[in-house]
Amino acid sequence: MLQSQFPTSDDSPQTSYPTSPPSPLCLTLLIILASLIAVALTLYATTLGVDISGDSVTYLHAARNIIAGHGLTFILPDGSQSHLLVFPPLYPIMLATGWIARLDPITFARYLNCLALVATLTFTALLVARYTRNMWVIALALFLGLTSRPLLFGYTRLMSEAPFVTFVLATLFFLTAYLHRPRRTSLIFAALCIAIASLTRWAGISLVPVAFAAILLCRARPQRARVIDSVLLILIIVIAMEAWTLYNHQPASRPYGGRTLALHPPPRVKLVAGARALSNWFAPHEYPVSEWPAIALTFAVLAIPLIARRAGIRTAPLDLAVIFVISYIAFILISLTFFDAAIPLNSRIWMPLVPPLVILLTAALVIPARLPYYRQLIALLLAFPILLNTYCTWRYANDLHHAGQGYLSAAWRDSELMAYLKKIPPKTPIASNAQDAIYTLLNRSAYGFPMARFRTIAKDNPNLRADLVRLYTHDLRKKGLLVFSNRIKRGDFLPTKTRIEKYLNLQPVAELSDGQIYKITGIRKRPPAPTTQP
């Protein structure tokens, strides 16, 4: 079944594959076994539902509107519609396909994540099999993927990372095939995967340098053919991105989700936190002592292709993995500095790096070395963190199984605030700092609070008072309710109750264990401007 995926003896000595490919039957059975374990673990962890929080609600809302026939839009509480602008379109479209099986996007997200995880493990195994026929090494790569907390976390959420990782690995697979047998078909498939990845998450653009590097490294292909390949690559990606731009009637000069170009260098503390989060692909965060060695390991594996090449091992998948890791990190840091200051440098943002780093790390086991018992030593060094990761990942999945996560967790389902809001007449307009939780749990639209600080550009909102007055006079139409949830921690960019009271008069309606509800009775007058003595 997989025989056609592996090379023949026409490779040059400097980039030779193993003398014979892994047994297709053994490889297939290994992938099936790993996939069954992964699916069982994912379904077990998401028994109470996938993690829905923050951006998840945007995807959920858009998917439900597609099913209802409204297209890629948002329906505001007053009935008006708004296009999906900041977020890429393909993930909500994927969620909407669940209507074929009569599944709500929340339910379908579980099965979509399982499908994406199976595809991720399959491409990981095929890429590792490109440079080794050792089934134990392939099994170790699959095991490292199964026990990586960031990877499991990503596949238990209603977020776009899960399918995005699949298309990243598919791109690396087709580019590796292009380097082995330089056929334009492989490059076209890779370009299509890049376009799909980019329309799933904007970070898919980081795959473009990987594709150009593959074209440059393909010296067996004539220069004229490589120029044509480059043009085709650009055309496919640009046409896909431009089609989305034209659908939204937005100018092509705003390719990055409409975010504003501005300089806001990330603070040092954020970079340090991001470096520590990067180590979580291999070292569980419960044990901080392992963070810095894991960071050193992360950067050390980037040198593995250089060592492998000297050992006569086929390095195409390794070279492309390194280029992607560097390109993706550069993309995130550039975006953070110039486009979106709110990008969190956490395990979620680094999740797409886990499979490429796993592919690179396992390559260390197939590099011949003069040291006695070299492979045994490497395996012994990896054994403890692997066992520790296995234990922590299982405990994490078990915790999710019993308590849930996000807005579908047991704590949110039993919320006294949500139970109170459920009894409020449907036509009563609501504004809240937890409007996404209200939509998820009650399927009811609510206005969000105006921004006190624009996170994407790291600047305070100079029109906060005017925005709050408009919320009262227009959105709530002087009869709505202001709802505060104590569970929402967004004090860095949403106004607190104390700050809102500087501009609006609030009358208590209900004091609950996890929130408060108010009516707005009027607008406070502006304080007089301070006078200066001559």
Protein backbone atom coordinates (compact mmCIF):
# COMPACT_ATOMS: atom_id res chain seq x y z
CA MET A 1 0.00 0.00 0.00
CA LEU A 2 2.85 2.35 0.85
CA GLN A 3 5.49 0.87 -1.47
CA SER A 4 5.24 3.73 -3.95
CA GLN A 5 6.13 6.26 -1.28
CA PHE A 6 9.71 5.03 -0.97
CA PRO A 7 12.73 5.57 -3.17
CA THR A 8 14.59 3.27 -5.43
CA SER A 9 18.33 2.93 -5.96
CA ASP A 10 18.69 5.94 -8.26
CA ASP A 11 19.74 8.28 -5.45
CA SER A 12 23.23 9.65 -5.37
CA PRO A 13 25.60 8.41 -2.64
CA GLN A 14 25.58 11.76 -0.84
CA THR A 15 21.83 11.67 -0.40
CA SER A 16 21.18 7.96 -0.33
CA TYR A 17 18.19 6.43 1.31
CA PRO A 18 18.37 3.21 3.32
CA THR A 19 19.24 0.20 1.21
CA SER A 20 15.64 -0.96 1.41
CA PRO A 21 12.46 0.75 2.54
CA PRO A 22 10.53 -0.34 5.63
CA SER A 23 8.06 -3.11 5.06
CA PRO A 24 4.87 -1.44 3.80
CA LEU A 25 2.77 -3.88 5.81
CA CYS A 26 4.69 -3.27 9.05
CA LEU A 27 4.62 0.48 8.52
CA THR A 28 0.89 0.44 7.81
CA LEU A 29 0.17 -1.63 10.92
CA LEU A 30 2.34 0.67 13.03
CA ILE A 31 0.49 3.76 11.78
CA ILE A 32 -2.87 2.11 12.41
CA LEU A 33 -1.87 1.15 15.96
CA ALA A 34 -0.61 4.64 16.75
CA SER A 35 -3.74 6.18 15.22
CA LEU A 36 -6.07 3.98 17.28
CA ILE A 37 -4.27 4.95 20.49
CA ALA A 38 -4.32 8.64 19.53
CA VAL A 39 -8.01 8.66 18.64
CA ALA A 40 -8.94 6.79 21.82
CA LEU A 41 -6.93 9.23 23.95
CA THR A 42 -8.41 12.27 22.20
CA LEU A 43 -12.00 11.06 22.50
CA TYR A 44 -11.41 10.16 26.14
CA ALA A 45 -9.99 13.62 26.91
CA THR A 46 -12.90 15.38 25.17
CA THR A 47 -15.74 13.39 26.73
CA LEU A 48 -17.31 16.64 27.99
CA GLY A 49 -16.52 18.42 24.72
CA VAL A 50 -13.65 20.20 23.03
CA ASP A 51 -12.06 23.27 24.56
CA ILE A 52 -14.01 26.38 23.50
CA SER A 53 -12.64 29.74 24.57
CA GLY A 54 -11.80 33.08 23.03
CA ASP A 55 -11.15 32.70 19.30
CA SER A 56 -12.98 29.36 19.21
CA VAL A 57 -16.31 31.16 19.38
CA THR A 58 -15.46 33.15 16.25
CA TYR A 59 -14.96 29.93 14.30
CA LEU A 60 -18.07 28.38 15.86
CA HIS A 61 -20.26 31.39 15.07
CA ALA A 62 -19.04 31.57 11.46
CA ALA A 63 -19.55 27.81 10.95
CA ARG A 64 -23.12 27.95 12.23
CA ASN A 65 -23.86 30.90 9.96
CA ILE A 66 -22.56 28.95 6.97
CA ILE A 67 -24.91 26.10 7.85
CA ALA A 68 -27.79 28.59 8.22
CA GLY A 69 -27.08 29.97 4.75
CA HIS A 70 -25.61 33.32 5.81
CA GLY A 71 -22.12 32.65 4.47
CA LEU A 72 -18.89 33.56 6.25
CA THR A 73 -20.47 36.26 8.38
CA PHE A 74 -21.24 37.17 11.97
CA ILE A 75 -24.77 38.04 13.03
CA LEU A 76 -24.71 40.71 15.73
CA PRO A 77 -27.32 40.87 18.51
CA ASP A 78 -29.19 43.63 16.66
CA GLY A 79 -29.51 41.41 13.56
CA SER A 80 -26.89 43.14 11.43
CA GLN A 81 -24.20 41.13 9.64
CA SER A 82 -20.45 41.49 9.50
CA HIS A 83 -17.95 39.69 7.27
CA LEU A 84 -15.29 37.37 8.68
CA LEU A 85 -12.23 39.58 8.20
CA VAL A 86 -9.50 39.01 10.76
CA PHE A 87 -9.71 35.21 10.80
CA PRO A 88 -8.91 32.94 7.83
CA PRO A 89 -11.93 31.14 6.33
CA LEU A 90 -11.14 27.46 5.88
CA TYR A 91 -11.47 26.22 9.45
CA PRO A 92 -15.09 27.39 9.91
CA ILE A 93 -15.84 25.92 6.47
CA MET A 94 -14.41 22.58 7.66
CA LEU A 95 -16.56 22.75 10.80
CA ALA A 96 -19.63 23.51 8.71
CA THR A 97 -19.23 20.31 6.69
CA GLY A 98 -20.50 18.44 9.74
CA TRP A 99 -24.04 19.34 8.65
CA ILE A 100 -23.77 16.49 6.12
CA ALA A 101 -23.91 14.10 9.10
CA ARG A 102 -26.31 16.42 10.95
CA LEU A 103 -23.63 17.28 13.51
CA ASP A 104 -23.30 20.64 15.23
CA PRO A 105 -19.82 22.18 14.74
CA ILE A 106 -18.99 21.60 18.43
CA THR A 107 -19.59 17.86 18.08
CA PHE A 108 -18.01 17.64 14.64
CA ALA A 109 -14.86 19.40 15.91
CA ARG A 110 -14.04 16.32 18.03
CA TYR A 111 -14.09 14.02 15.02
CA LEU A 112 -12.32 16.53 12.78
CA ASN A 113 -9.51 16.72 15.36
CA CYS A 114 -9.27 12.92 15.42
CA LEU A 115 -9.04 12.82 11.62
CA ALA A 116 -6.38 15.54 11.63
CA LEU A 117 -4.39 13.70 14.31
CA VAL A 118 -4.43 10.46 12.30
CA ALA A 119 -3.20 12.39 9.24
CA THR A 120 -0.49 14.07 11.33
CA LEU A 121 0.83 10.75 12.63
CA THR A 122 0.69 9.23 9.13
CA PHE A 123 2.73 12.02 7.53
CA THR A 124 5.17 11.98 10.46
CA ALA A 125 5.78 8.24 9.97
CA LEU A 126 6.16 8.62 6.19
CA LEU A 127 8.65 11.46 6.58
CA VAL A 128 10.74 9.52 9.10
CA ALA A 129 10.62 6.50 6.78
CA ARG A 130 12.23 8.69 4.13
CA TYR A 131 15.56 8.51 5.95
CA THR A 132 15.43 5.20 7.88
CA ARG A 133 14.06 1.68 7.53
CA ASN A 134 14.36 1.06 11.27
CA MET A 135 10.83 0.45 12.52
CA TRP A 136 11.86 1.18 16.10
CA VAL A 137 12.90 4.71 15.13
CA ILE A 138 9.60 5.27 13.31
CA ALA A 139 7.73 3.92 16.34
CA LEU A 140 9.68 6.26 18.63
CA ALA A 141 8.72 9.26 16.45
CA LEU A 142 5.06 8.29 16.67
CA PHE A 143 5.36 7.75 20.41
CA LEU A 144 6.96 11.17 20.91
CA GLY A 145 4.07 12.73 19.02
CA LEU A 146 1.49 10.84 21.06
CA THR A 147 2.98 11.92 24.38
CA SER A 148 3.62 15.57 23.54
CA ARG A 149 1.36 17.74 25.69
CA PRO A 150 1.14 20.71 23.27
CA LEU A 151 0.13 18.36 20.47
CA LEU A 152 -2.58 16.66 22.53
CA PHE A 153 -3.76 20.06 23.78
CA GLY A 154 -4.11 21.30 20.22
CA TYR A 155 -6.18 18.29 19.19
CA THR A 156 -8.64 18.71 22.07
CA ARG A 157 -9.61 22.29 21.18
CA LEU A 158 -11.97 23.91 18.71
CA MET A 159 -9.11 25.78 17.04
CA SER A 160 -7.47 25.79 13.63
CA GLU A 161 -4.09 24.42 14.75
CA ALA A 162 -5.12 20.77 14.35
CA PRO A 163 -5.82 20.82 10.57
CA PHE A 164 -3.05 23.39 10.08
CA VAL A 165 -0.39 20.97 11.36
CA THR A 166 -1.72 18.32 8.97
CA PHE A 167 -1.24 20.59 5.95
CA VAL A 168 2.21 21.63 7.17
CA LEU A 169 3.34 18.00 7.23
CA ALA A 170 1.60 17.30 3.91
CA THR A 171 3.59 20.17 2.40
CA LEU A 172 6.87 18.77 3.75
CA PHE A 173 5.94 15.33 2.42
CA PHE A 174 5.22 16.52 -1.13
CA LEU A 175 8.31 18.75 -1.18
CA THR A 176 10.42 15.78 -0.07
CA ALA A 177 8.90 13.73 -2.90
CA TYR A 178 9.71 16.61 -5.28
CA LEU A 179 13.37 16.53 -4.21
CA HIS A 180 13.54 12.75 -4.65
CA ARG A 181 11.83 12.58 -8.03
CA PRO A 182 11.61 16.11 -9.48
CA ARG A 183 8.10 16.08 -10.84
CA ARG A 184 5.95 19.15 -11.18
CA THR A 185 2.95 17.24 -9.85
CA SER A 186 4.54 16.95 -6.40
CA LEU A 187 5.26 20.67 -6.33
CA ILE A 188 1.71 21.52 -7.37
CA PHE A 189 0.35 19.38 -4.54
CA ALA A 190 2.75 21.11 -2.15
CA ALA A 191 1.62 24.54 -3.38
CA LEU A 192 -2.02 23.57 -2.88
CA CYS A 193 -1.23 22.43 0.67
CA ILE A 194 0.51 25.75 1.36
CA ALA A 195 -2.52 27.65 0.06
CA ILE A 196 -4.87 25.55 2.21
CA ALA A 197 -2.62 25.92 5.26
CA SER A 198 -2.48 29.71 4.77
CA LEU A 199 -6.27 29.95 4.52
CA THR A 200 -6.52 27.87 7.69
CA ARG A 201 -4.00 29.97 9.62
CA TRP A 202 -2.14 32.98 8.27
CA ALA A 203 1.06 31.37 9.58
CA GLY A 204 0.89 29.05 6.58
CA ILE A 205 2.80 31.75 4.71
CA SER A 206 5.87 30.54 6.61
CA LEU A 207 5.83 27.47 4.32
CA VAL A 208 6.61 29.58 1.26
CA PRO A 209 10.36 29.87 2.05
CA VAL A 210 10.42 26.09 2.54
CA ALA A 211 8.99 25.54 -0.93
CA PHE A 212 11.44 27.94 -2.58
CA ALA A 213 14.30 26.26 -0.72
CA ALA A 214 13.15 22.89 -2.11
CA ILE A 215 13.16 24.31 -5.64
CA LEU A 216 16.67 25.69 -5.15
CA LEU A 217 17.93 22.41 -3.68
CA CYS A 218 16.52 20.39 -6.59
CA ARG A 219 19.66 20.59 -8.72
CA ALA A 220 18.64 17.60 -10.82
CA ARG A 221 15.95 19.77 -12.41
CA PRO A 222 16.94 22.18 -15.23
CA GLN A 223 17.05 25.85 -14.35
CA ARG A 224 14.25 26.75 -16.77
CA ALA A 225 12.01 24.10 -15.20
CA ARG A 226 12.78 25.45 -11.73
CA VAL A 227 11.81 28.95 -12.83
CA ILE A 228 8.50 27.63 -14.13
CA ASP A 229 8.01 25.71 -10.87
CA SER A 230 8.58 28.92 -8.89
CA VAL A 231 6.05 30.83 -10.99
CA LEU A 232 3.46 28.07 -10.55
CA LEU A 233 4.05 28.05 -6.80
CA ILE A 234 3.48 31.79 -6.55
CA LEU A 235 0.42 31.72 -8.81
CA ILE A 236 -1.36 29.00 -6.84
CA ILE A 237 -0.79 30.72 -3.48
CA VAL A 238 -1.62 34.21 -4.72
CA ILE A 239 -4.80 33.08 -6.50
CA ALA A 240 -6.01 31.34 -3.33
CA MET A 241 -5.32 34.36 -1.11
CA GLU A 242 -6.74 36.83 -3.63
CA ALA A 243 -9.94 34.80 -3.99
CA TRP A 244 -10.55 35.21 -0.26
CA THR A 245 -9.69 38.91 -0.46
CA LEU A 246 -12.17 39.50 -3.29
CA TYR A 247 -14.87 37.54 -1.46
CA ASN A 248 -14.61 39.97 1.43
CA HIS A 249 -14.33 42.99 -0.88
CA GLN A 250 -11.09 43.95 0.84
CA PRO A 251 -8.07 45.49 -0.96
CA ALA A 252 -5.11 43.24 -1.59
CA SER A 253 -2.94 45.63 0.42
CA ARG A 254 -4.41 44.16 3.60
CA PRO A 255 -3.24 40.55 3.39
CA TYR A 256 -2.72 39.90 7.07
CA GLY A 257 -6.25 39.83 8.37
CA GLY A 258 -6.72 43.60 8.37
CA ARG A 259 -4.26 44.15 11.21
CA THR A 260 -2.54 47.49 11.42
CA LEU A 261 1.16 47.77 10.60
CA ALA A 262 2.90 49.31 13.61
CA LEU A 263 6.12 48.80 15.53
CA HIS A 264 5.66 47.23 18.98
CA PRO A 265 8.71 45.15 19.95
CA PRO A 266 7.83 42.33 22.37
CA PRO A 267 9.08 42.85 25.95
CA ARG A 268 11.91 40.68 27.21
CA VAL A 269 9.69 38.93 29.74
CA LYS A 270 7.41 37.74 26.93
CA LEU A 271 10.33 36.40 24.92
CA VAL A 272 11.63 34.48 27.93
CA ALA A 273 8.16 33.02 28.56
CA GLY A 274 7.98 32.08 24.88
CA ALA A 275 11.33 30.30 25.06
CA ARG A 276 10.14 28.30 28.05
CA ALA A 277 6.88 27.43 26.31
CA LEU A 278 8.86 26.19 23.32
CA SER A 279 10.50 23.61 25.57
CA ASN A 280 7.12 22.06 26.39
CA TRP A 281 7.17 20.06 23.15
CA PHE A 282 9.56 17.71 24.91
CA ALA A 283 9.60 18.60 28.63
CA PRO A 284 6.40 18.84 30.72
CA HIS A 285 5.87 22.24 32.28
CA GLU A 286 5.19 20.70 35.71
CA TYR A 287 8.95 20.26 36.08
CA PRO A 288 10.65 23.63 35.46
CA VAL A 289 14.09 22.11 35.96
CA SER A 290 13.74 20.51 32.53
CA GLU A 291 12.94 23.70 30.63
CA TRP A 292 16.37 25.02 29.74
CA PRO A 293 17.86 21.64 28.76
CA ALA A 294 14.82 21.16 26.53
CA ILE A 295 15.39 24.58 24.96
CA ALA A 296 19.02 23.64 24.31
CA LEU A 297 17.82 20.37 22.78
CA THR A 298 15.39 22.27 20.54
CA PHE A 299 18.18 24.29 18.96
CA ALA A 300 20.63 21.38 18.95
CA VAL A 301 18.37 19.23 16.76
CA LEU A 302 18.51 21.92 14.07
CA ALA A 303 22.11 20.86 13.43
CA ILE A 304 21.22 17.20 12.86
CA PRO A 305 20.88 17.50 9.03
CA LEU A 306 24.51 18.67 8.83
CA ILE A 307 25.69 15.60 10.73
CA ALA A 308 23.35 13.29 8.82
CA ARG A 309 24.58 14.55 5.46
CA ARG A 310 28.18 13.67 6.34
CA ALA A 311 27.00 10.21 7.33
CA GLY A 312 25.46 9.67 3.88
CA ILE A 313 21.85 9.76 5.08
CA ARG A 314 19.12 11.21 2.89
CA THR A 315 18.52 14.61 4.48
CA ALA A 316 15.71 16.09 2.36
CA PRO A 317 12.98 15.74 5.03
CA LEU A 318 15.42 16.94 7.69
CA ASP A 319 16.55 19.97 5.70
CA LEU A 320 12.96 21.02 5.01
CA ALA A 321 11.98 20.49 8.66
CA VAL A 322 14.79 22.79 9.82
CA ILE A 323 13.86 25.48 7.30
CA PHE A 324 10.22 25.33 8.40
CA VAL A 325 11.11 25.60 12.11
CA ILE A 326 13.26 28.67 11.46
CA SER A 327 10.74 30.22 9.05
CA TYR A 328 7.80 29.66 11.42
CA ILE A 329 9.61 31.16 14.43
CA ALA A 330 10.66 34.15 12.31
CA PHE A 331 7.07 34.61 11.07
CA ILE A 332 5.69 34.61 14.62
CA LEU A 333 8.28 37.11 15.87
CA ILE A 334 7.80 39.42 12.87
CA SER A 335 4.01 39.27 13.29
CA LEU A 336 4.36 39.99 17.01
CA THR A 337 6.63 42.96 16.37
CA PHE A 338 4.80 44.59 13.46
CA PHE A 339 1.23 43.27 13.13
CA ASP A 340 -0.22 41.88 16.34
CA ALA A 341 1.29 42.65 19.74
CA ALA A 342 -1.24 40.32 21.39
CA ILE A 343 0.15 37.07 19.93
CA PRO A 344 0.80 34.82 22.93
CA LEU A 345 4.12 32.99 22.92
CA ASN A 346 2.70 29.86 24.54
CA SER A 347 2.56 26.14 23.85
CA ARG A 348 -0.38 26.62 21.52
CA ILE A 349 1.52 28.97 19.21
CA TRP A 350 4.50 26.56 19.07
CA MET A 351 2.35 23.45 18.53
CA PRO A 352 3.04 23.23 14.73
CA LEU A 353 6.75 22.82 15.51
CA VAL A 354 6.29 19.58 17.46
CA PRO A 355 6.16 17.08 14.53
CA PRO A 356 9.13 18.64 12.64
CA LEU A 357 11.20 18.67 15.85
CA VAL A 358 10.25 15.05 16.51
CA ILE A 359 11.34 14.10 12.98
CA LEU A 360 14.68 15.81 13.56
CA LEU A 361 15.24 14.35 17.01
CA THR A 362 14.67 10.75 15.98
CA ALA A 363 17.17 11.18 13.15
CA ALA A 364 19.89 11.24 15.81
CA LEU A 365 19.30 7.51 16.34
CA VAL A 366 20.15 6.57 12.75
CA ILE A 367 23.35 8.59 12.43
CA PRO A 368 26.38 6.25 12.53
CA ALA A 369 28.85 7.17 15.26
CA ARG A 370 32.22 5.88 16.32
CA LEU A 371 31.29 6.13 19.97
CA PRO A 372 30.63 2.73 21.54
CA TYR A 373 26.99 2.10 22.37
CA TYR A 374 26.03 5.45 20.81
CA ARG A 375 22.42 4.52 20.01
CA GLN A 376 21.94 2.87 23.38
CA LEU A 377 23.23 6.01 25.08
CA ILE A 378 20.87 8.27 23.11
CA ALA A 379 17.94 5.96 23.86
CA LEU A 380 18.81 5.96 27.56
CA LEU A 381 19.02 9.76 27.67
CA LEU A 382 15.59 10.00 26.01
CA ALA A 383 13.95 7.34 28.13
CA PHE A 384 13.35 9.37 31.31
CA PRO A 385 11.75 12.47 29.71
CA ILE A 386 9.67 10.23 27.43
CA LEU A 387 8.30 8.27 30.39
CA LEU A 388 7.71 11.51 32.29
CA ASN A 389 5.87 12.99 29.30
CA THR A 390 3.75 9.87 29.02
CA TYR A 391 2.69 10.07 32.65
CA CYS A 392 1.96 13.83 32.53
CA THR A 393 0.06 13.59 29.24
CA TRP A 394 -2.12 10.76 30.52
CA ARG A 395 -2.84 12.66 33.74
CA TYR A 396 -3.72 15.73 31.67
CA ALA A 397 -6.11 13.73 29.47
CA ASN A 398 -7.68 12.17 32.56
CA ASP A 399 -8.23 15.61 34.13
CA LEU A 400 -9.93 16.82 30.94
CA HIS A 401 -12.09 13.70 30.90
CA HIS A 402 -13.50 14.44 34.36
CA ALA A 403 -13.52 18.25 34.51
CA GLY A 404 -13.67 19.31 30.87
CA GLN A 405 -12.08 22.49 29.59
CA GLY A 406 -13.00 25.94 28.36
CA TYR A 407 -16.64 26.98 28.30
CA LEU A 408 -17.78 23.35 28.18
CA SER A 409 -16.08 22.51 31.47
CA ALA A 410 -18.13 21.38 34.44
CA ALA A 411 -17.47 24.69 36.22
CA TRP A 412 -18.97 26.74 33.38
CA ARG A 413 -21.88 24.33 32.86
CA ASP A 414 -22.81 24.78 36.55
CA SER A 415 -22.35 28.56 36.47
CA GLU A 416 -24.89 30.46 38.56
CA LEU A 417 -24.48 33.45 36.26
CA MET A 418 -25.34 31.42 33.15
CA ALA A 419 -28.35 29.87 34.91
CA TYR A 420 -29.65 33.38 35.72
CA LEU A 421 -29.13 34.64 32.16
CA LYS A 422 -30.99 31.63 30.79
CA LYS A 423 -34.17 32.97 32.41
CA ILE A 424 -33.86 36.48 30.93
CA PRO A 425 -36.26 37.20 28.01
CA PRO A 426 -34.58 36.51 24.65
CA LYS A 427 -35.10 40.04 23.33
CA THR A 428 -33.30 41.68 26.24
CA PRO A 429 -30.00 43.05 24.88
CA ILE A 430 -26.92 42.06 26.87
CA ALA A 431 -23.36 43.37 26.96
CA SER A 432 -20.76 41.30 28.77
CA ASN A 433 -17.09 40.55 29.22
CA ALA A 434 -18.11 36.89 28.68
CA GLN A 435 -20.13 37.24 25.48
CA ASP A 436 -18.35 34.22 23.96
CA ALA A 437 -19.29 32.04 26.95
CA ILE A 438 -22.91 33.22 26.68
CA TYR A 439 -22.99 32.28 22.99
CA THR A 440 -21.43 28.85 23.64
CA LEU A 441 -23.59 27.83 26.60
CA LEU A 442 -26.87 29.62 25.84
CA ASN A 443 -26.64 30.01 22.04
CA ARG A 444 -27.45 33.65 22.58
CA SER A 445 -25.65 36.64 21.06
CA ALA A 446 -24.35 39.37 23.34
CA TYR A 447 -22.34 42.53 22.80
CA GLY A 448 -18.76 42.59 24.00
CA PHE A 449 -17.32 45.44 26.02
CA PRO A 450 -15.41 48.07 24.06
CA MET A 451 -11.65 47.73 24.23
CA ALA A 452 -9.88 49.66 26.96
CA ARG A 453 -6.58 48.78 25.32
CA PHE A 454 -6.00 47.64 21.76
CA ARG A 455 -3.94 44.50 22.25
CA THR A 456 -2.86 44.16 18.63
CA ILE A 457 -1.06 47.52 18.68
CA ALA A 458 -0.43 47.74 22.45
CA LYS A 459 -2.08 51.16 22.82
CA ASP A 460 -4.88 52.49 25.03
CA ASN A 461 -8.25 53.27 23.49
CA PRO A 462 -8.58 57.09 23.45
CA ASN A 463 -12.33 56.84 22.67
CA LEU A 464 -13.33 54.54 25.52
CA ARG A 465 -15.90 56.94 26.96
CA ALA A 466 -17.58 57.48 23.57
CA ASP A 467 -17.62 53.72 22.95
CA LEU A 468 -19.27 53.05 26.33
CA VAL A 469 -21.86 55.79 25.75
CA ARG A 470 -22.68 54.25 22.36
CA LEU A 471 -22.99 50.83 23.99
CA TYR A 472 -25.60 52.28 26.36
CA THR A 473 -27.54 54.51 23.98
CA HIS A 474 -27.43 52.37 20.82
CA ASP A 475 -26.59 48.72 21.46
CA LEU A 476 -28.38 48.23 24.77
CA ARG A 477 -31.07 50.77 23.79
CA LYS A 478 -31.23 51.97 27.42
CA LYS A 479 -33.02 48.78 28.50
CA GLY A 480 -30.31 46.17 28.34
CA LEU A 481 -28.13 44.56 30.97
CA LEU A 482 -24.44 44.79 31.72
CA VAL A 483 -23.06 41.38 32.76
CA PHE A 484 -19.72 40.83 34.49
CA SER A 485 -18.27 37.33 34.87
CA ASN A 486 -15.65 36.78 37.56
CA ARG A 487 -14.24 33.83 35.61
CA ILE A 488 -13.04 35.95 32.69
CA LYS A 489 -9.50 37.24 33.07
CA ARG A 490 -9.15 39.93 30.43
CA GLY A 491 -8.15 42.87 32.57
CA ASP A 492 -5.34 43.75 30.22
CA PHE A 493 -7.63 44.96 27.44
CA LEU A 494 -11.24 45.16 28.72
CA PRO A 495 -12.52 47.92 31.05
CA THR A 496 -13.16 46.87 34.65
CA LYS A 497 -16.40 47.62 36.47
CA THR A 498 -14.66 50.43 38.37
CA ARG A 499 -13.56 52.06 35.13
CA ILE A 500 -16.99 51.73 33.52
CA GLU A 501 -18.52 53.43 36.57
CA LYS A 502 -16.43 56.50 35.80
CA TYR A 503 -18.55 57.04 32.69
CA LEU A 504 -21.87 55.26 33.32
CA ASN A 505 -24.26 54.98 36.28
CA LEU A 506 -24.76 51.31 37.18
CA GLN A 507 -27.69 49.93 39.17
CA PRO A 508 -27.25 46.41 40.65
CA VAL A 509 -29.72 43.79 39.44
CA ALA A 510 -28.21 40.55 40.75
CA GLU A 511 -25.12 39.59 42.79
CA LEU A 512 -24.17 35.99 42.01
CA SER A 513 -21.38 33.69 43.12
CA ASP A 514 -19.50 34.04 39.83
CA GLY A 515 -20.63 37.42 38.49
CA GLN A 516 -22.77 40.53 38.72
CA ILE A 517 -25.57 41.98 36.59
CA TYR A 518 -26.34 45.70 36.30
CA LYS A 519 -28.65 48.12 34.55
CA ILE A 520 -27.27 51.37 33.17
CA THR A 521 -29.33 54.26 34.51
CA GLY A 522 -27.52 57.13 32.84
CA ILE A 523 -24.33 58.72 31.63
CA ARG A 524 -22.00 60.48 34.02
CA LYS A 525 -21.03 63.98 33.06
CA ARG A 526 -17.48 64.59 32.00
CA PRO A 527 -15.36 65.94 34.84
CA PRO A 528 -14.41 69.58 34.23
CA ALA A 529 -11.06 70.10 32.60
CA PRO A 530 -8.40 71.22 35.08
CA THR A 531 -7.66 74.94 34.99
CA THR A 532 -4.21 76.41 35.31
CA GLN A 533 -3.41 79.58 37.12
CA PRO A 534 -1.69 82.28 35.08
